[in-house]
Structures are given as C-alpha cells and as structure tokens.
C-alpha atoms as a PDB file:
ATOM      1  CA  MET A   1     -51.405 -59.608 -21.342  1.00  0.00           C
ATOM      2  CA  LYS A   2     -48.010 -60.581 -22.795  1.00  0.00           C
ATOM      3  CA  VAL A   3     -48.107 -61.981 -26.321  1.00  0.00           C
ATOM      4  CA  ASN A   4     -45.373 -64.098 -27.877  1.00  0.00           C
ATOM      5  CA  PRO A   5     -43.439 -62.404 -30.677  1.00  0.00           C
ATOM      6  CA  HIS A   6     -44.635 -63.384 -34.110  1.00  0.00           C
ATOM      7  CA  ARG A   7     -44.874 -62.023 -37.590  1.00  0.00           C
ATOM      8  CA  SER A   8     -47.864 -60.440 -39.206  1.00  0.00           C
ATOM      9  CA  SER A   9     -49.230 -61.576 -42.530  1.00  0.00           C
ATOM     10  CA  LEU A  10     -47.757 -58.380 -44.012  1.00  0.00           C
ATOM     11  CA  GLY A  11     -44.214 -59.687 -43.500  1.00  0.00           C
ATOM     12  CA  MET A  12     -43.242 -57.494 -40.536  1.00  0.00           C
ATOM     13  CA  ASP A  13     -42.892 -58.289 -36.863  1.00  0.00           C
ATOM     14  CA  ALA A  14     -46.303 -58.022 -35.229  1.00  0.00           C
ATOM     15  CA  ASN A  15     -45.107 -55.492 -32.668  1.00  0.00           C
ATOM     16  CA  ILE A  16     -43.833 -53.128 -35.379  1.00  0.00           C
ATOM     17  CA  MET A  17     -47.050 -53.502 -37.334  1.00  0.00           C
ATOM     18  CA  ALA A  18     -49.158 -52.770 -34.222  1.00  0.00           C
ATOM     19  CA  LEU A  19     -47.001 -49.723 -33.490  1.00  0.00           C
ATOM     20  CA  LEU A  20     -47.510 -48.489 -37.047  1.00  0.00           C
ATOM     21  CA  CYS A  21     -51.285 -48.636 -36.598  1.00  0.00           C
ATOM     22  CA  TYR A  22     -51.135 -45.959 -33.906  1.00  0.00           C
ATOM     23  CA  LEU A  23     -48.317 -44.012 -35.503  1.00  0.00           C
ATOM     24  CA  ALA A  24     -50.028 -43.706 -38.872  1.00  0.00           C
ATOM     25  CA  ALA A  25     -53.381 -42.774 -37.370  1.00  0.00           C
ATOM     26  CA  PHE A  26     -52.123 -40.197 -34.911  1.00  0.00           C
ATOM     27  CA  VAL A  27     -49.503 -38.568 -37.110  1.00  0.00           C
ATOM     28  CA  LEU A  28     -52.165 -38.179 -39.791  1.00  0.00           C
ATOM     29  CA  GLY A  29     -54.670 -37.086 -37.128  1.00  0.00           C
ATOM     30  CA  TRP A  30     -52.712 -33.935 -36.291  1.00  0.00           C
ATOM     31  CA  ILE A  31     -52.473 -32.768 -39.928  1.00  0.00           C
ATOM     32  CA  PRO A  32     -55.392 -30.350 -40.497  1.00  0.00           C
ATOM     33  CA  VAL A  33     -57.036 -31.619 -43.705  1.00  0.00           C
ATOM     34  CA  VAL A  34     -55.676 -35.165 -43.675  1.00  0.00           C
ATOM     35  CA  LYS A  35     -57.094 -35.814 -40.182  1.00  0.00           C
ATOM     36  CA  TRP A  36     -60.485 -36.660 -41.677  1.00  0.00           C
ATOM     37  CA  ILE A  37     -59.043 -39.750 -43.378  1.00  0.00           C
ATOM     38  CA  ALA A  38     -56.736 -40.731 -40.473  1.00  0.00           C
ATOM     39  CA  PRO A  39     -59.096 -43.429 -39.094  1.00  0.00           C
ATOM     40  CA  PHE A  40     -58.724 -45.359 -42.322  1.00  0.00           C
ATOM     41  CA  ALA A  41     -54.981 -46.056 -41.863  1.00  0.00           C
ATOM     42  CA  PRO A  42     -55.461 -48.590 -39.026  1.00  0.00           C
ATOM     43  CA  LEU A  43     -58.672 -49.837 -40.619  1.00  0.00           C
ATOM     44  CA  VAL A  44     -56.786 -50.792 -43.789  1.00  0.00           C
ATOM     45  CA  ILE A  45     -54.228 -52.661 -41.675  1.00  0.00           C
ATOM     46  CA  PHE A  46     -57.073 -54.379 -39.790  1.00  0.00           C
ATOM     47  CA  PHE A  47     -58.618 -55.751 -42.995  1.00  0.00           C
ATOM     48  CA  ILE A  48     -55.320 -56.667 -44.646  1.00  0.00           C
ATOM     49  CA  GLU A  49     -53.964 -58.524 -41.602  1.00  0.00           C
ATOM     50  CA  LYS A  50     -54.979 -62.188 -41.739  1.00  0.00           C
ATOM     51  CA  GLU A  51     -52.723 -64.008 -39.237  1.00  0.00           C
ATOM     52  CA  SER A  52     -52.062 -61.877 -36.163  1.00  0.00           C
ATOM     53  CA  PRO A  53     -54.865 -61.247 -33.655  1.00  0.00           C
ATOM     54  CA  PHE A  54     -52.371 -58.993 -31.843  1.00  0.00           C
ATOM     55  CA  VAL A  55     -52.075 -56.667 -34.854  1.00  0.00           C
ATOM     56  CA  LYS A  56     -55.821 -56.808 -35.487  1.00  0.00           C
ATOM     57  CA  PHE A  57     -56.546 -55.776 -31.871  1.00  0.00           C
ATOM     58  CA  HIS A  58     -54.179 -52.804 -31.981  1.00  0.00           C
ATOM     59  CA  ALA A  59     -55.417 -51.752 -35.415  1.00  0.00           C
ATOM     60  CA  MET A  60     -59.019 -51.776 -34.164  1.00  0.00           C
ATOM     61  CA  GLN A  61     -58.094 -49.887 -30.995  1.00  0.00           C
ATOM     62  CA  ALA A  62     -56.252 -47.212 -33.026  1.00  0.00           C
ATOM     63  CA  PHE A  63     -59.254 -46.988 -35.360  1.00  0.00           C
ATOM     64  CA  ILE A  64     -61.706 -46.504 -32.477  1.00  0.00           C
ATOM     65  CA  LEU A  65     -59.497 -43.804 -30.941  1.00  0.00           C
ATOM     66  CA  GLN A  66     -59.417 -41.966 -34.253  1.00  0.00           C
ATOM     67  CA  VAL A  67     -63.181 -42.251 -34.678  1.00  0.00           C
ATOM     68  CA  ILE A  68     -63.653 -40.764 -31.205  1.00  0.00           C
ATOM     69  CA  SER A  69     -61.349 -37.901 -32.170  1.00  0.00           C
ATOM     70  CA  TRP A  70     -63.234 -37.477 -35.442  1.00  0.00           C
ATOM     71  CA  ILE A  71     -66.639 -37.349 -33.716  1.00  0.00           C
ATOM     72  CA  ILE A  72     -65.402 -34.804 -31.184  1.00  0.00           C
ATOM     73  CA  GLY A  73     -64.110 -32.649 -34.031  1.00  0.00           C
ATOM     74  CA  ILE A  74     -67.475 -32.771 -35.787  1.00  0.00           C
ATOM     75  CA  ILE A  75     -69.378 -31.902 -32.601  1.00  0.00           C
ATOM     76  CA  VAL A  76     -67.062 -28.967 -31.884  1.00  0.00           C
ATOM     77  CA  ALA A  77     -67.419 -27.733 -35.479  1.00  0.00           C
ATOM     78  CA  ILE A  78     -71.229 -27.898 -35.346  1.00  0.00           C
ATOM     79  CA  ILE A  79     -71.463 -26.111 -31.992  1.00  0.00           C
ATOM     80  CA  SER A  80     -68.952 -23.496 -33.157  1.00  0.00           C
ATOM     81  CA  ALA A  81     -70.960 -22.908 -36.333  1.00  0.00           C
ATOM     82  CA  ILE A  82     -74.113 -22.435 -34.276  1.00  0.00           C
ATOM     83  CA  ALA A  83     -72.295 -20.010 -31.967  1.00  0.00           C
ATOM     84  CA  VAL A  84     -70.949 -18.010 -34.920  1.00  0.00           C
ATOM     85  CA  SER A  85     -74.338 -17.906 -36.619  1.00  0.00           C
ATOM     86  CA  THR A  86     -75.914 -16.416 -33.490  1.00  0.00           C
ATOM     87  CA  ILE A  87     -73.598 -13.422 -33.841  1.00  0.00           C
ATOM     88  CA  SER A  88     -75.094 -12.449 -37.189  1.00  0.00           C
ATOM     89  CA  TYR A  89     -78.734 -13.141 -36.329  1.00  0.00           C
ATOM     90  CA  SER A  90     -79.021 -11.508 -32.934  1.00  0.00           C
ATOM     91  CA  ASP A  91     -77.840  -8.411 -31.170  1.00  0.00           C
ATOM     92  CA  PRO A  92     -74.216  -8.167 -32.329  1.00  0.00           C
ATOM     93  CA  PHE A  93     -73.056  -6.535 -29.117  1.00  0.00           C
ATOM     94  CA  GLY A  94     -74.839  -8.868 -26.706  1.00  0.00           C
ATOM     95  CA  SER A  95     -74.037 -12.245 -28.197  1.00  0.00           C
ATOM     96  CA  PHE A  96     -70.576 -11.636 -29.642  1.00  0.00           C
ATOM     97  CA  GLY A  97     -68.792 -12.139 -26.333  1.00  0.00           C
ATOM     98  CA  ALA A  98     -70.846 -15.199 -25.468  1.00  0.00           C
ATOM     99  CA  SER A  99     -70.274 -16.776 -28.885  1.00  0.00           C
ATOM    100  CA  LEU A 100     -66.572 -16.031 -28.753  1.00  0.00           C
ATOM    101  CA  GLY A 101     -66.443 -17.523 -25.263  1.00  0.00           C
ATOM    102  CA  ILE A 102     -68.216 -20.687 -26.382  1.00  0.00           C
ATOM    103  CA  ILE A 103     -65.853 -21.112 -29.339  1.00  0.00           C
ATOM    104  CA  THR A 104     -62.814 -20.548 -27.123  1.00  0.00           C
ATOM    105  CA  VAL A 105     -63.963 -23.033 -24.471  1.00  0.00           C
ATOM    106  CA  LEU A 106     -64.812 -25.632 -27.108  1.00  0.00           C
ATOM    107  CA  SER A 107     -61.439 -25.172 -28.778  1.00  0.00           C
ATOM    108  CA  VAL A 108     -59.585 -25.614 -25.499  1.00  0.00           C
ATOM    109  CA  ILE A 109     -61.641 -28.685 -24.578  1.00  0.00           C
ATOM    110  CA  SER A 110     -61.089 -30.151 -28.049  1.00  0.00           C
ATOM    111  CA  VAL A 111     -57.326 -29.672 -27.822  1.00  0.00           C
ATOM    112  CA  ILE A 112     -57.208 -31.177 -24.312  1.00  0.00           C
ATOM    113  CA  ILE A 113     -59.193 -34.227 -25.440  1.00  0.00           C
ATOM    114  CA  GLY A 114     -56.937 -34.556 -28.491  1.00  0.00           C
ATOM    115  CA  ILE A 115     -53.856 -34.505 -26.272  1.00  0.00           C
ATOM    116  CA  ILE A 116     -55.374 -37.090 -23.915  1.00  0.00           C
ATOM    117  CA  LEU A 117     -56.210 -39.403 -26.837  1.00  0.00           C
ATOM    118  CA  THR A 118     -52.709 -38.936 -28.227  1.00  0.00           C
ATOM    119  CA  VAL A 119     -51.163 -39.797 -24.834  1.00  0.00           C
ATOM    120  CA  PHE A 120     -53.240 -42.987 -24.712  1.00  0.00           C
ATOM    121  CA  ALA A 121     -52.106 -43.804 -28.255  1.00  0.00           C
ATOM    122  CA  ILE A 122     -48.455 -43.270 -27.286  1.00  0.00           C
ATOM    123  CA  ILE A 123     -48.840 -45.531 -24.245  1.00  0.00           C
ATOM    124  CA  ALA A 124     -50.516 -48.192 -26.405  1.00  0.00           C
ATOM    125  CA  MET A 125     -47.796 -47.783 -29.041  1.00  0.00           C
ATOM    126  CA  VAL A 126     -45.014 -48.337 -26.493  1.00  0.00           C
ATOM    127  CA  LYS A 127     -46.836 -51.321 -24.982  1.00  0.00           C
ATOM    128  CA  ALA A 128     -47.475 -52.801 -28.442  1.00  0.00           C
ATOM    129  CA  HIS A 129     -43.783 -52.523 -29.246  1.00  0.00           C
ATOM    130  CA  GLY A 130     -43.129 -54.627 -26.145  1.00  0.00           C
ATOM    131  CA  TYR A 131     -45.697 -57.215 -27.307  1.00  0.00           C
ATOM    132  CA  PHE A 132     -48.272 -56.214 -24.685  1.00  0.00           C
ATOM    133  CA  GLU A 133     -51.947 -56.065 -25.547  1.00  0.00           C
ATOM    134  CA  TYR A 134     -52.640 -52.822 -23.664  1.00  0.00           C
ATOM    135  CA  LYS A 135     -56.332 -52.009 -23.421  1.00  0.00           C
ATOM    136  CA  ILE A 136     -57.095 -48.313 -23.321  1.00  0.00           C
ATOM    137  CA  PRO A 137     -59.855 -47.613 -20.758  1.00  0.00           C
ATOM    138  CA  ALA A 138     -63.356 -47.661 -22.302  1.00  0.00           C
ATOM    139  CA  VAL A 139     -61.885 -48.427 -25.737  1.00  0.00           C
ATOM    140  CA  GLY A 140     -59.849 -51.605 -25.252  1.00  0.00           C
ATOM    141  CA  ASN A 141     -62.746 -53.942 -24.500  1.00  0.00           C
ATOM    142  CA  LEU A 142     -64.652 -52.647 -27.509  1.00  0.00           C
ATOM    143  CA  ALA A 143     -61.581 -53.105 -29.717  1.00  0.00           C
ATOM    144  CA  ASP A 144     -61.101 -56.599 -28.323  1.00  0.00           C
ATOM    145  CA  LYS A 145     -64.707 -57.485 -29.095  1.00  0.00           C
ATOM    146  CA  PHE A 146     -64.568 -56.154 -32.681  1.00  0.00           C
ATOM    147  CA  SER A 147     -61.143 -57.580 -33.462  1.00  0.00           C
ATOM    148  CA  LYS A 148     -62.208 -61.089 -32.451  1.00  0.00           C
ATOM    149  CA  LYS A 149     -65.362 -61.139 -34.572  1.00  0.00           C
ATOM    150  CA  GLY A 150     -64.992 -63.435 -37.510  1.00  0.00           C
ATOM    151  CA  THR A 151     -61.715 -64.932 -36.353  1.00  0.00           C
ATOM    152  CA  PRO A 152     -61.522 -68.648 -35.587  1.00  0.00           C
ATOM    153  CA  ARG A 153     -61.156 -69.469 -31.898  1.00  0.00           C
END
C-alpha cells in the first residue's frame, strides 16, 4: 500500500524515520551483548511518534521482528545449556558427540533464522524508504493490529 510522503512528529521525513526503526534494531541486533536491548530501539520510536501511522507501523514491525529474534536466541541458549549439562552428568564418551551435535545444529539453525529475519528487515527498510507499508509475512498483520490500537480512526 503506497503512502503519501509526510513528516513524522520527530521532525524527519516519515520514510527516513521508518527506515531508522529497522536499521537501529538490526544493527544493534548483530552486536553480541547489545542485541538484548535491540528491540527497544523501535519501541522507543513507536511511543515517541505521535503523528505518523506509517512510522508507528514500521516501528512495531521492527520491534516484533526483534522480539522473535530475541526469543529464538533464548530458546537456543536454554537447549544448548541442557545439552552441555548432559555431558557432565552422564557418560562423557557417549553423550559428548550428541551434545556437540545438538549445539552445532542449533547454532546453524539460529544463524539461518537470524539471516532470514535480517533479509526481511532489509526488504521492509527498502520498501519503507519508498513510502510503502510492506507487511512481512506472519508479522505484518500483527504489527498493523498493534500499531493501530489507540490511534483515532
């Protein structure tokens, strides 16, 4: 859906502000320790923005993508911790290979999912720069629903 160019309440063009939502979240998301606070970058923009539903939508979509990435990271960390703990509590020769295999597979899956989410964020970023309200599959409708709550229709 093409949106007319307008300015955000933060004094920037709405397309630049929407682009910054993804850029801030995903640049921060690839930095090891900082990635745990990355979802808050678009969330701050979402709450500060008062005029542009376009910026609010993209901020919410970037936030949801980061939360998904965050949850996947937590799940992988928990399963990896369980796999590592089985090495020390069971037969060290029998479970070491299995635990190492589980950790390796989880790491590869986690990186692949991270790359896929980043590709979706880049596509959304490019579309936002062109003033398009691009809805990422399975995330866009949720972002649309949350970004419209509390806004006058």
